PDB file of N, CA and C in Angstrom:
ATOM      1  N   MET A   1     -24.474  41.845  -1.794  1.00  0.00           N
ATOM      2  CA  MET A   1     -24.727  40.688  -2.262  1.00  0.00           C
ATOM      3  C   MET A   1     -25.216  40.282  -1.065  1.00  0.00           C
ATOM      4  N   ALA A   2     -27.027  40.035  -1.430  1.00  0.00           N
ATOM      5  CA  ALA A   2     -28.079  39.647  -0.431  1.00  0.00           C
ATOM      6  C   ALA A   2     -27.684  37.865  -0.549  1.00  0.00           C
ATOM      7  N   GLY A   3     -28.018  37.201   1.016  1.00  0.00           N
ATOM      8  CA  GLY A   3     -27.740  35.696   1.050  1.00  0.00           C
ATOM      9  C   GLY A   3     -28.837  35.147   0.472  1.00  0.00           C
ATOM     10  N   LEU A   4     -28.825  34.017   0.437  1.00  0.00           N
ATOM     11  CA  LEU A   4     -29.818  33.029  -0.219  1.00  0.00           C
ATOM     12  C   LEU A   4     -30.309  32.316   0.946  1.00  0.00           C
ATOM     13  N   GLU A   5     -31.583  31.880   1.317  1.00  0.00           N
ATOM     14  CA  GLU A   5     -32.537  31.741   1.974  1.00  0.00           C
ATOM     15  C   GLU A   5     -31.935  29.841   1.540  1.00  0.00           C
ATOM     16  N   CYS A   6     -31.774  29.300   2.767  1.00  0.00           N
ATOM     17  CA  CYS A   6     -32.065  27.800   2.977  1.00  0.00           C
ATOM     18  C   CYS A   6     -32.321  26.858   1.993  1.00  0.00           C
ATOM     19  N   SER A   7     -34.125  27.393   2.020  1.00  0.00           N
ATOM     20  CA  SER A   7     -34.843  26.771   1.170  1.00  0.00           C
ATOM     21  C   SER A   7     -34.123  27.143  -0.506  1.00  0.00           C
ATOM     22  N   THR A   8     -33.760  27.753  -0.233  1.00  0.00           N
ATOM     23  CA  THR A   8     -33.519  27.619  -2.228  1.00  0.00           C
ATOM     24  C   THR A   8     -32.961  26.653  -2.639  1.00  0.00           C
ATOM     25  N   CYS A   9     -32.145  25.862  -1.850  1.00  0.00           N
ATOM     26  CA  CYS A   9     -31.825  24.593  -2.255  1.00  0.00           C
ATOM     27  C   CYS A   9     -32.142  23.244  -1.694  1.00  0.00           C
ATOM     28  N   HIS A  10     -32.014  23.336  -0.290  1.00  0.00           N
ATOM     29  CA  HIS A  10     -33.171  22.486   0.550  1.00  0.00           C
ATOM     30  C   HIS A  10     -34.312  22.358   0.699  1.00  0.00           C
ATOM     31  N   GLY A  11     -35.147  21.620   0.345  1.00  0.00           N
ATOM     32  CA  GLY A  11     -36.717  20.885   0.124  1.00  0.00           C
ATOM     33  C   GLY A  11     -37.142  20.008   0.873  1.00  0.00           C
ATOM     34  N   PRO A  12     -38.037  19.706   0.373  1.00  0.00           N
ATOM     35  CA  PRO A  12     -38.756  18.716   1.641  1.00  0.00           C
ATOM     36  C   PRO A  12     -38.010  17.151   0.663  1.00  0.00           C
ATOM     37  N   ARG A  13     -37.114  16.729   0.305  1.00  0.00           N
ATOM     38  CA  ARG A  13     -36.394  15.577   0.251  1.00  0.00           C
ATOM     39  C   ARG A  13     -35.287  15.901  -0.437  1.00  0.00           C
ATOM     40  N   ASN A  14     -34.326  14.851  -0.424  1.00  0.00           N
ATOM     41  CA  ASN A  14     -32.835  14.750  -0.901  1.00  0.00           C
ATOM     42  C   ASN A  14     -33.559  14.708  -2.319  1.00  0.00           C
ATOM     43  N   VAL A  15     -32.373  15.553  -2.761  1.00  0.00           N
ATOM     44  CA  VAL A  15     -31.916  16.056  -4.432  1.00  0.00           C
ATOM     45  C   VAL A  15     -30.891  15.440  -4.922  1.00  0.00           C
ATOM     46  N   ALA A  16     -30.938  14.523  -5.835  1.00  0.00           N
ATOM     47  CA  ALA A  16     -29.623  13.963  -6.462  1.00  0.00           C
ATOM     48  C   ALA A  16     -29.201  15.158  -7.384  1.00  0.00           C
ATOM     49  N   PHE A  17     -27.826  15.315  -7.615  1.00  0.00           N
ATOM     50  CA  PHE A  17     -27.640  15.986  -8.696  1.00  0.00           C
ATOM     51  C   PHE A  17     -27.592  15.070  -9.797  1.00  0.00           C
ATOM     52  N   THR A  18     -27.520  15.799 -11.294  1.00  0.00           N
ATOM     53  CA  THR A  18     -27.796  15.243 -12.313  1.00  0.00           C
ATOM     54  C   THR A  18     -26.312  14.609 -12.861  1.00  0.00           C
ATOM     55  N   ASN A  19     -25.240  15.074 -12.347  1.00  0.00           N
ATOM     56  CA  ASN A  19     -24.116  14.374 -12.877  1.00  0.00           C
ATOM     57  C   ASN A  19     -24.002  13.056 -11.973  1.00  0.00           C
ATOM     58  N   GLY A  20     -24.865  12.624 -11.180  1.00  0.00           N
ATOM     59  CA  GLY A  20     -24.271  12.044  -9.996  1.00  0.00           C
ATOM     60  C   GLY A  20     -23.255  11.504  -8.904  1.00  0.00           C
ATOM     61  N   THR A  21     -22.979  13.248  -8.777  1.00  0.00           N
ATOM     62  CA  THR A  21     -21.573  13.337  -7.785  1.00  0.00           C
ATOM     63  C   THR A  21     -22.492  13.142  -6.491  1.00  0.00           C
ATOM     64  N   GLY A  22     -23.451  13.515  -5.798  1.00  0.00           N
ATOM     65  CA  GLY A  22     -23.866  13.810  -4.649  1.00  0.00           C
ATOM     66  C   GLY A  22     -25.326  14.000  -4.979  1.00  0.00           C
ATOM     67  N   SER A  23     -25.948  14.686  -3.821  1.00  0.00           N
ATOM     68  CA  SER A  23     -27.287  15.338  -3.617  1.00  0.00           C
ATOM     69  C   SER A  23     -27.041  16.522  -2.467  1.00  0.00           C
ATOM     70  N   ILE A  24     -28.462  17.215  -2.449  1.00  0.00           N
ATOM     71  CA  ILE A  24     -28.509  18.392  -1.900  1.00  0.00           C
ATOM     72  C   ILE A  24     -29.504  17.603  -1.003  1.00  0.00           C
ATOM     73  N   PRO A  25     -29.038  17.633   0.973  1.00  0.00           N
ATOM     74  CA  PRO A  25     -30.042  17.054   1.915  1.00  0.00           C
ATOM     75  C   PRO A  25     -30.916  17.947   1.722  1.00  0.00           C
ATOM     76  N   GLY A  26     -32.291  17.314   1.992  1.00  0.00           N
ATOM     77  CA  GLY A  26     -34.056  17.701   2.258  1.00  0.00           C
ATOM     78  C   GLY A  26     -34.680  16.729   3.089  1.00  0.00           C
ATOM     79  N   HIS A  27     -35.459  17.479   3.265  1.00  0.00           N
ATOM     80  CA  HIS A  27     -36.697  16.845   4.405  1.00  0.00           C
ATOM     81  C   HIS A  27     -37.332  17.992   4.611  1.00  0.00           C
ATOM     82  N   PRO A  28     -38.946  17.740   4.827  1.00  0.00           N
ATOM     83  CA  PRO A  28     -40.188  18.523   5.220  1.00  0.00           C
ATOM     84  C   PRO A  28     -39.739  19.766   6.029  1.00  0.00           C
ATOM     85  N   GLU A  29     -38.752  19.185   7.234  1.00  0.00           N
ATOM     86  CA  GLU A  29     -38.388  20.195   8.915  1.00  0.00           C
ATOM     87  C   GLU A  29     -36.902  20.312   8.690  1.00  0.00           C
ATOM     88  N   TRP A  30     -36.607  20.284   7.660  1.00  0.00           N
ATOM     89  CA  TRP A  30     -34.997  20.633   7.144  1.00  0.00           C
ATOM     90  C   TRP A  30     -34.780  22.211   7.574  1.00  0.00           C
ATOM     91  N   HIS A  31     -33.916  22.095   8.708  1.00  0.00           N
ATOM     92  CA  HIS A  31     -33.243  23.504   8.898  1.00  0.00           C
ATOM     93  C   HIS A  31     -32.124  23.312   9.713  1.00  0.00           C
ATOM     94  N   VAL A  32     -31.129  24.065   9.920  1.00  0.00           N
ATOM     95  CA  VAL A  32     -29.795  24.274   9.971  1.00  0.00           C
ATOM     96  C   VAL A  32     -29.864  24.268  11.988  1.00  0.00           C
ATOM     97  N   ALA A  33     -29.430  23.293  12.694  1.00  0.00           N
ATOM     98  CA  ALA A  33     -29.243  23.335  13.957  1.00  0.00           C
ATOM     99  C   ALA A  33     -28.578  24.775  14.177  1.00  0.00           C
ATOM    100  N   PRO A  34     -29.187  25.643  15.792  1.00  0.00           N
ATOM    101  CA  PRO A  34     -28.544  26.797  15.738  1.00  0.00           C
ATOM    102  C   PRO A  34     -26.887  26.173  16.675  1.00  0.00           C
ATOM    103  N   ILE A  35     -26.179  27.429  16.183  1.00  0.00           N
ATOM    104  CA  ILE A  35     -25.117  27.486  16.894  1.00  0.00           C
ATOM    105  C   ILE A  35     -24.750  26.967  18.086  1.00  0.00           C
ATOM    106  N   GLY A  36     -25.844  27.028  19.151  1.00  0.00           N
ATOM    107  CA  GLY A  36     -25.260  26.924  20.113  1.00  0.00           C
ATOM    108  C   GLY A  36     -25.124  25.374  20.571  1.00  0.00           C
ATOM    109  N   MET A  37     -26.270  24.549  19.452  1.00  0.00           N
ATOM    110  CA  MET A  37     -25.963  22.742  19.058  1.00  0.00           C
ATOM    111  C   MET A  37     -24.401  22.422  18.656  1.00  0.00           C
ATOM    112  N   ALA A  38     -23.913  22.941  18.123  1.00  0.00           N
ATOM    113  CA  ALA A  38     -22.805  22.561  17.601  1.00  0.00           C
ATOM    114  C   ALA A  38     -21.844  22.131  18.297  1.00  0.00           C
ATOM    115  N   TRP A  39     -21.068  20.539  17.934  1.00  0.00           N
ATOM    116  CA  TRP A  39     -20.491  19.856  18.505  1.00  0.00           C
ATOM    117  C   TRP A  39     -18.826  19.973  18.199  1.00  0.00           C
ATOM    118  N   GLU A  40     -18.712  20.495  16.631  1.00  0.00           N
ATOM    119  CA  GLU A  40     -17.382  20.965  16.753  1.00  0.00           C
ATOM    120  C   GLU A  40     -16.648  21.054  17.725  1.00  0.00           C
ATOM    121  N   GLY A  41     -15.408  20.819  18.278  1.00  0.00           N
ATOM    122  CA  GLY A  41     -14.241  21.327  19.183  1.00  0.00           C
ATOM    123  C   GLY A  41     -14.707  20.611  20.371  1.00  0.00           C
ATOM    124  N   LYS A  42     -15.786  19.759  20.572  1.00  0.00           N
ATOM    125  CA  LYS A  42     -15.753  19.601  21.932  1.00  0.00           C
ATOM    126  C   LYS A  42     -16.025  18.628  22.203  1.00  0.00           C
ATOM    127  N   THR A  43     -15.724  18.133  23.425  1.00  0.00           N
ATOM    128  CA  THR A  43     -15.154  16.609  23.984  1.00  0.00           C
ATOM    129  C   THR A  43     -16.304  15.721  24.051  1.00  0.00           C
ATOM    130  N   LEU A  44     -16.242  14.800  24.054  1.00  0.00           N
ATOM    131  CA  LEU A  44     -17.344  13.435  24.547  1.00  0.00           C
ATOM    132  C   LEU A  44     -17.771  14.020  25.418  1.00  0.00           C
ATOM    133  N   GLY A  45     -17.293  14.291  26.392  1.00  0.00           N
ATOM    134  CA  GLY A  45     -18.117  15.163  28.171  1.00  0.00           C
ATOM    135  C   GLY A  45     -18.923  16.113  27.865  1.00  0.00           C
ATOM    136  N   GLN A  46     -18.068  17.080  26.956  1.00  0.00           N
ATOM    137  CA  GLN A  46     -19.028  18.245  26.816  1.00  0.00           C
ATOM    138  C   GLN A  46     -20.254  18.181  25.404  1.00  0.00           C
ATOM    139  N   ILE A  47     -20.520  17.232  24.824  1.00  0.00           N
ATOM    140  CA  ILE A  47     -21.443  16.860  24.020  1.00  0.00           C
ATOM    141  C   ILE A  47     -22.239  16.197  24.392  1.00  0.00           C
ATOM    142  N   CYS A  48     -21.793  15.431  25.618  1.00  0.00           N
ATOM    143  CA  CYS A  48     -22.879  14.671  26.421  1.00  0.00           C
ATOM    144  C   CYS A  48     -23.549  15.471  27.237  1.00  0.00           C
ATOM    145  N   ALA A  49     -22.645  16.296  27.755  1.00  0.00           N
ATOM    146  CA  ALA A  49     -23.299  17.740  28.746  1.00  0.00           C
ATOM    147  C   ALA A  49     -24.299  18.110  28.262  1.00  0.00           C
ATOM    148  N   GLN A  50     -24.064  18.554  27.172  1.00  0.00           N
ATOM    149  CA  GLN A  50     -24.987  19.373  26.350  1.00  0.00           C
ATOM    150  C   GLN A  50     -26.135  18.888  25.890  1.00  0.00           C
ATOM    151  N   ILE A  51     -25.780  17.424  25.105  1.00  0.00           N
ATOM    152  CA  ILE A  51     -27.218  16.446  24.948  1.00  0.00           C
ATOM    153  C   ILE A  51     -28.414  16.526  25.978  1.00  0.00           C
ATOM    154  N   LYS A  52     -27.819  16.494  27.427  1.00  0.00           N
ATOM    155  CA  LYS A  52     -29.099  16.251  28.114  1.00  0.00           C
ATOM    156  C   LYS A  52     -29.356  17.570  29.069  1.00  0.00           C
ATOM    157  N   ASP A  53     -28.455  18.435  28.698  1.00  0.00           N
ATOM    158  CA  ASP A  53     -29.178  20.111  29.391  1.00  0.00           C
ATOM    159  C   ASP A  53     -30.168  21.071  28.306  1.00  0.00           C
ATOM    160  N   ARG A  54     -31.280  20.507  29.074  1.00  0.00           N
ATOM    161  CA  ARG A  54     -32.360  21.173  28.589  1.00  0.00           C
ATOM    162  C   ARG A  54     -32.496  22.354  27.809  1.00  0.00           C
ATOM    163  N   LYS A  55     -31.611  23.330  28.443  1.00  0.00           N
ATOM    164  CA  LYS A  55     -31.674  24.577  28.009  1.00  0.00           C
ATOM    165  C   LYS A  55     -31.145  24.742  26.113  1.00  0.00           C
ATOM    166  N   ARG A  56     -30.314  23.510  26.390  1.00  0.00           N
ATOM    167  CA  ARG A  56     -29.656  23.219  24.888  1.00  0.00           C
ATOM    168  C   ARG A  56     -29.851  22.136  24.300  1.00  0.00           C
ATOM    169  N   ASN A  57     -30.949  21.331  24.605  1.00  0.00           N
ATOM    170  CA  ASN A  57     -31.544  20.329  23.359  1.00  0.00           C
ATOM    171  C   ASN A  57     -32.953  20.460  23.329  1.00  0.00           C
ATOM    172  N   GLY A  58     -33.896  21.541  23.363  1.00  0.00           N
ATOM    173  CA  GLY A  58     -34.420  21.632  22.770  1.00  0.00           C
ATOM    174  C   GLY A  58     -35.701  21.648  23.900  1.00  0.00           C
ATOM    175  N   GLY A  59     -35.028  21.748  25.119  1.00  0.00           N
ATOM    176  CA  GLY A  59     -36.289  20.907  25.924  1.00  0.00           C
ATOM    177  C   GLY A  59     -36.450  19.850  26.594  1.00  0.00           C
ATOM    178  N   LYS A  60     -35.826  18.972  25.765  1.00  0.00           N
ATOM    179  CA  LYS A  60     -35.939  17.337  25.963  1.00  0.00           C
ATOM    180  C   LYS A  60     -35.621  17.067  27.226  1.00  0.00           C
ATOM    181  N   THR A  61     -36.132  16.215  28.001  1.00  0.00           N
ATOM    182  CA  THR A  61     -35.892  15.181  29.051  1.00  0.00           C
ATOM    183  C   THR A  61     -35.690  14.041  28.468  1.00  0.00           C
ATOM    184  N   LEU A  62     -34.790  13.303  29.686  1.00  0.00           N
ATOM    185  CA  LEU A  62     -34.014  12.217  29.357  1.00  0.00           C
ATOM    186  C   LEU A  62     -34.957  11.185  27.994  1.00  0.00           C
ATOM    187  N   GLU A  63     -36.499  11.096  28.655  1.00  0.00           N
ATOM    188  CA  GLU A  63     -37.037  10.439  27.989  1.00  0.00           C
ATOM    189  C   GLU A  63     -38.115  10.745  26.405  1.00  0.00           C
ATOM    190  N   GLN A  64     -37.842  11.660  26.491  1.00  0.00           N
ATOM    191  CA  GLN A  64     -37.920  12.777  25.158  1.00  0.00           C
ATOM    192  C   GLN A  64     -36.753  12.607  24.738  1.00  0.00           C
ATOM    193  N   LEU A  65     -35.832  12.112  24.935  1.00  0.00           N
ATOM    194  CA  LEU A  65     -34.642  12.072  23.923  1.00  0.00           C
ATOM    195  C   LEU A  65     -34.359  11.079  23.339  1.00  0.00           C
ATOM    196  N   ILE A  66     -35.062   9.798  24.103  1.00  0.00           N
ATOM    197  CA  ILE A  66     -34.977   8.133  23.548  1.00  0.00           C
ATOM    198  C   ILE A  66     -36.024   8.517  22.592  1.00  0.00           C
ATOM    199  N   GLU A  67     -36.817   9.201  22.826  1.00  0.00           N
ATOM    200  CA  GLU A  67     -38.320   9.226  21.932  1.00  0.00           C
ATOM    201  C   GLU A  67     -37.901   9.730  20.531  1.00  0.00           C
ATOM    202  N   HIS A  68     -36.664  11.205  20.425  1.00  0.00           N
ATOM    203  CA  HIS A  68     -36.294  11.719  19.572  1.00  0.00           C
ATOM    204  C   HIS A  68     -35.695  10.673  18.753  1.00  0.00           C
ATOM    205  N   ASN A  69     -34.011  10.098  19.104  1.00  0.00           N
ATOM    206  CA  ASN A  69     -33.651   9.514  18.894  1.00  0.00           C
ATOM    207  C   ASN A  69     -34.446   8.356  17.790  1.00  0.00           C
ATOM    208  N   ALA A  70     -35.312   8.062  18.248  1.00  0.00           N
ATOM    209  CA  ALA A  70     -35.592   6.357  17.991  1.00  0.00           C
ATOM    210  C   ALA A  70     -36.665   6.469  16.718  1.00  0.00           C
ATOM    211  N   HIS A  71     -37.105   8.066  16.765  1.00  0.00           N
ATOM    212  CA  HIS A  71     -38.219   7.940  15.718  1.00  0.00           C
ATOM    213  C   HIS A  71     -38.374   9.413  15.158  1.00  0.00           C
ATOM    214  N   ASP A  72     -37.707  10.402  15.204  1.00  0.00           N
ATOM    215  CA  ASP A  72     -37.830  11.627  15.162  1.00  0.00           C
ATOM    216  C   ASP A  72     -37.079  11.204  13.220  1.00  0.00           C
ATOM    217  N   THR A  73     -38.040  12.105  12.568  1.00  0.00           N
ATOM    218  CA  THR A  73     -37.726  11.579  10.812  1.00  0.00           C
ATOM    219  C   THR A  73     -36.299  12.565  10.579  1.00  0.00           C
ATOM    220  N   LEU A  74     -36.445  13.650  11.316  1.00  0.00           N
ATOM    221  CA  LEU A  74     -35.220  14.282  10.516  1.00  0.00           C
ATOM    222  C   LEU A  74     -33.811  13.728  11.358  1.00  0.00           C
ATOM    223  N   VAL A  75     -33.799  12.925  12.447  1.00  0.00           N
ATOM    224  CA  VAL A  75     -32.455  12.537  13.290  1.00  0.00           C
ATOM    225  C   VAL A  75     -32.483  11.114  12.384  1.00  0.00           C
ATOM    226  N   GLY A  76     -33.613  10.636  11.657  1.00  0.00           N
ATOM    227  CA  GLY A  76     -33.585   9.713  10.731  1.00  0.00           C
ATOM    228  C   GLY A  76     -33.115   9.896   9.487  1.00  0.00           C
ATOM    229  N   TRP A  77     -32.803  11.218   9.087  1.00  0.00           N
ATOM    230  CA  TRP A  77     -31.965  11.501   7.598  1.00  0.00           C
ATOM    231  C   TRP A  77     -30.796  10.583   7.273  1.00  0.00           C
ATOM    232  N   GLY A  78     -30.154  10.482   8.625  1.00  0.00           N
ATOM    233  CA  GLY A  78     -28.859  10.138   8.647  1.00  0.00           C
ATOM    234  C   GLY A  78     -28.583   8.815   8.250  1.00  0.00           C
ATOM    235  N   TRP A  79     -29.745   7.832   8.812  1.00  0.00           N
ATOM    236  CA  TRP A  79     -29.866   6.550   7.904  1.00  0.00           C
ATOM    237  C   TRP A  79     -30.396   6.591   6.475  1.00  0.00           C
ATOM    238  N   ASN A  80     -31.015   7.598   5.626  1.00  0.00           N
ATOM    239  CA  ASN A  80     -30.943   7.890   4.227  1.00  0.00           C
ATOM    240  C   ASN A  80     -30.389   9.332   3.483  1.00  0.00           C
ATOM    241  N   PRO A  81     -29.106   9.516   3.966  1.00  0.00           N
ATOM    242  CA  PRO A  81     -28.728  10.751   3.770  1.00  0.00           C
ATOM    243  C   PRO A  81     -29.299  11.549   2.062  1.00  0.00           C
ATOM    244  N   GLY A  82     -28.930  10.177   1.271  1.00  0.00           N
ATOM    245  CA  GLY A  82     -29.353  10.596  -0.416  1.00  0.00           C
ATOM    246  C   GLY A  82     -28.113  10.365  -1.279  1.00  0.00           C
ATOM    247  N   PRO A  83     -28.006  10.445  -2.475  1.00  0.00           N
ATOM    248  CA  PRO A  83     -26.357   9.903  -3.340  1.00  0.00           C
ATOM    249  C   PRO A  83     -25.632  10.957  -2.618  1.00  0.00           C
ATOM    250  N   GLY A  84     -24.282   9.819  -3.147  1.00  0.00           N
ATOM    251  CA  GLY A  84     -23.143  10.205  -2.518  1.00  0.00           C
ATOM    252  C   GLY A  84     -22.856  10.542  -1.056  1.00  0.00           C
ATOM    253  N   ARG A  85     -23.297  10.150  -0.066  1.00  0.00           N
ATOM    254  CA  ARG A  85     -23.136  10.395   1.083  1.00  0.00           C
ATOM    255  C   ARG A  85     -23.816   9.254   1.817  1.00  0.00           C
ATOM    256  N   THR A  86     -22.554   9.028   3.043  1.00  0.00           N
ATOM    257  CA  THR A  86     -22.433   7.854   3.406  1.00  0.00           C
ATOM    258  C   THR A  86     -23.607   7.752   5.017  1.00  0.00           C
ATOM    259  N   PRO A  87     -24.345   6.725   4.715  1.00  0.00           N
ATOM    260  CA  PRO A  87     -25.974   6.544   5.798  1.00  0.00           C
ATOM    261  C   PRO A  87     -24.800   6.454   7.606  1.00  0.00           C
ATOM    262  N   VAL A  88     -25.190   6.841   8.236  1.00  0.00           N
ATOM    263  CA  VAL A  88     -24.467   6.455   9.768  1.00  0.00           C
ATOM    264  C   VAL A  88     -24.652   5.223   9.941  1.00  0.00           C
ATOM    265  N   PRO A  89     -23.824   4.357  10.751  1.00  0.00           N
ATOM    266  CA  PRO A  89     -24.143   3.361  11.132  1.00  0.00           C
ATOM    267  C   PRO A  89     -25.186   2.937  11.574  1.00  0.00           C
ATOM    268  N   GLY A  90     -25.499   1.595  11.257  1.00  0.00           N
ATOM    269  CA  GLY A  90     -26.706   1.039  12.462  1.00  0.00           C
ATOM    270  C   GLY A  90     -28.215   1.493  11.790  1.00  0.00           C
ATOM    271  N   THR A  91     -28.826   1.362  12.380  1.00  0.00           N
ATOM    272  CA  THR A  91     -30.342   1.860  12.136  1.00  0.00           C
ATOM    273  C   THR A  91     -30.410   2.995  13.657  1.00  0.00           C
ATOM    274  N   GLN A  92     -31.688   3.679  13.293  1.00  0.00           N
ATOM    275  CA  GLN A  92     -32.354   4.667  13.887  1.00  0.00           C
ATOM    276  C   GLN A  92     -33.126   3.618  15.377  1.00  0.00           C
ATOM    277  N   ALA A  93     -33.707   2.553  14.896  1.00  0.00           N
ATOM    278  CA  ALA A  93     -34.195   1.549  15.959  1.00  0.00           C
ATOM    279  C   ALA A  93     -32.832   1.334  16.644  1.00  0.00           C
ATOM    280  N   GLN A  94     -31.600   0.782  16.391  1.00  0.00           N
ATOM    281  CA  GLN A  94     -30.735   0.202  17.335  1.00  0.00           C
ATOM    282  C   GLN A  94     -30.167   1.650  18.040  1.00  0.00           C
ATOM    283  N   PHE A  95     -30.346   2.824  17.168  1.00  0.00           N
ATOM    284  CA  PHE A  95     -29.816   4.206  18.004  1.00  0.00           C
ATOM    285  C   PHE A  95     -30.868   4.540  18.957  1.00  0.00           C
ATOM    286  N   GLY A  96     -32.341   4.339  18.779  1.00  0.00           N
ATOM    287  CA  GLY A  96     -32.851   4.657  20.082  1.00  0.00           C
ATOM    288  C   GLY A  96     -32.549   3.721  20.991  1.00  0.00           C
ATOM    289  N   GLU A  97     -32.650   2.080  20.960  1.00  0.00           N
ATOM    290  CA  GLU A  97     -32.259   1.410  21.816  1.00  0.00           C
ATOM    291  C   GLU A  97     -31.073   1.669  22.505  1.00  0.00           C
ATOM    292  N   LEU A  98     -30.071   2.230  22.308  1.00  0.00           N
ATOM    293  CA  LEU A  98     -28.951   2.798  22.823  1.00  0.00           C
ATOM    294  C   LEU A  98     -29.018   3.893  23.850  1.00  0.00           C
ATOM    295  N   THR A  99     -29.645   4.356  22.818  1.00  0.00           N
ATOM    296  CA  THR A  99     -29.830   5.963  24.161  1.00  0.00           C
ATOM    297  C   THR A  99     -30.862   5.443  25.171  1.00  0.00           C
ATOM    298  N   ARG A 100     -31.431   4.544  24.920  1.00  0.00           N
ATOM    299  CA  ARG A 100     -32.781   3.501  26.107  1.00  0.00           C
ATOM    300  C   ARG A 100     -31.403   3.258  27.407  1.00  0.00           C
ATOM    301  N   ALA A 101     -30.765   2.422  26.675  1.00  0.00           N
ATOM    302  CA  ALA A 101     -30.014   1.687  27.320  1.00  0.00           C
ATOM    303  C   ALA A 101     -29.306   2.982  28.035  1.00  0.00           C
ATOM    304  N   TRP A 102     -28.435   3.779  27.596  1.00  0.00           N
ATOM    305  CA  TRP A 102     -27.470   4.826  28.630  1.00  0.00           C
ATOM    306  C   TRP A 102     -28.536   5.545  29.347  1.00  0.00           C
ATOM    307  N   VAL A 103     -29.388   5.946  28.880  1.00  0.00           N
ATOM    308  CA  VAL A 103     -30.562   6.499  30.229  1.00  0.00           C
ATOM    309  C   VAL A 103     -30.445   5.602  31.111  1.00  0.00           C
ATOM    310  N   ALA A 104     -31.077   4.480  31.026  1.00  0.00           N
ATOM    311  CA  ALA A 104     -31.654   3.271  31.815  1.00  0.00           C
ATOM    312  C   ALA A 104     -30.262   3.126  32.850  1.00  0.00           C
ATOM    313  N   SER A 105     -29.367   3.278  32.228  1.00  0.00           N
ATOM    314  CA  SER A 105     -28.195   3.347  33.187  1.00  0.00           C
ATOM    315  C   SER A 105     -27.511   4.392  33.937  1.00  0.00           C
ATOM    316  N   GLY A 106     -28.123   5.502  34.006  1.00  0.00           N
ATOM    317  CA  GLY A 106     -27.700   7.151  34.174  1.00  0.00           C
ATOM    318  C   GLY A 106     -27.176   7.682  33.651  1.00  0.00           C
ATOM    319  N   ALA A 107     -27.175   7.642  32.314  1.00  0.00           N
ATOM    320  CA  ALA A 107     -26.759   8.810  31.606  1.00  0.00           C
ATOM    321  C   ALA A 107     -25.956   9.555  31.966  1.00  0.00           C
ATOM    322  N   LYS A 108     -24.868   8.903  31.905  1.00  0.00           N
ATOM    323  CA  LYS A 108     -23.503   9.590  32.972  1.00  0.00           C
ATOM    324  C   LYS A 108     -22.801   9.876  31.707  1.00  0.00           C
ATOM    325  N   CYS A 109     -21.839  11.346  32.175  1.00  0.00           N
ATOM    326  CA  CYS A 109     -21.041  11.737  30.488  1.00  0.00           C
ATOM    327  C   CYS A 109     -20.041  10.845  30.818  1.00  0.00           C
ATOM    328  N   PRO A 110     -19.009  10.775  29.991  1.00  0.00           N
ATOM    329  CA  PRO A 110     -17.310  10.631  30.493  1.00  0.00           C
ATOM    330  C   PRO A 110     -16.810  12.073  30.607  1.00  0.00           C
ATOM    331  N   THR A 111     -15.530  11.669  31.585  1.00  0.00           N
ATOM    332  CA  THR A 111     -15.366  12.982  32.157  1.00  0.00           C
ATOM    333  C   THR A 111     -14.373  13.714  31.129  1.00  0.00           C
ATOM    334  N   GLY A 112     -14.119  15.253  31.271  1.00  0.00           N
ATOM    335  CA  GLY A 112     -13.185  15.452  30.187  1.00  0.00           C
ATOM    336  C   GLY A 112     -14.072  16.633  28.543  1.00  0.00           C
TER     337      GLY A 112
END
């Protein structure tokens, strides 16, 4: 059996189920993150180190991470996930400011 392409279901915008029970995530740039970016099973320290590692974060500097977190619309999907999904807390602007404060304070990672 051949696999389906992601774009079979995921399009340029969220699509609500007709029965109102949820939605299929969508965005013009929708794609699954590479497996190397997965956080499952990692400690906060490992996740932090991964975010800062340009070999594993798409080549972004700390300044570019601030911009990415504050303004990238794919990141912003978390605050507009569609029907049946819970948005992440706060706002994308707050997330950008928290990232800026973290970088300004030395971008330290927890140990472990």
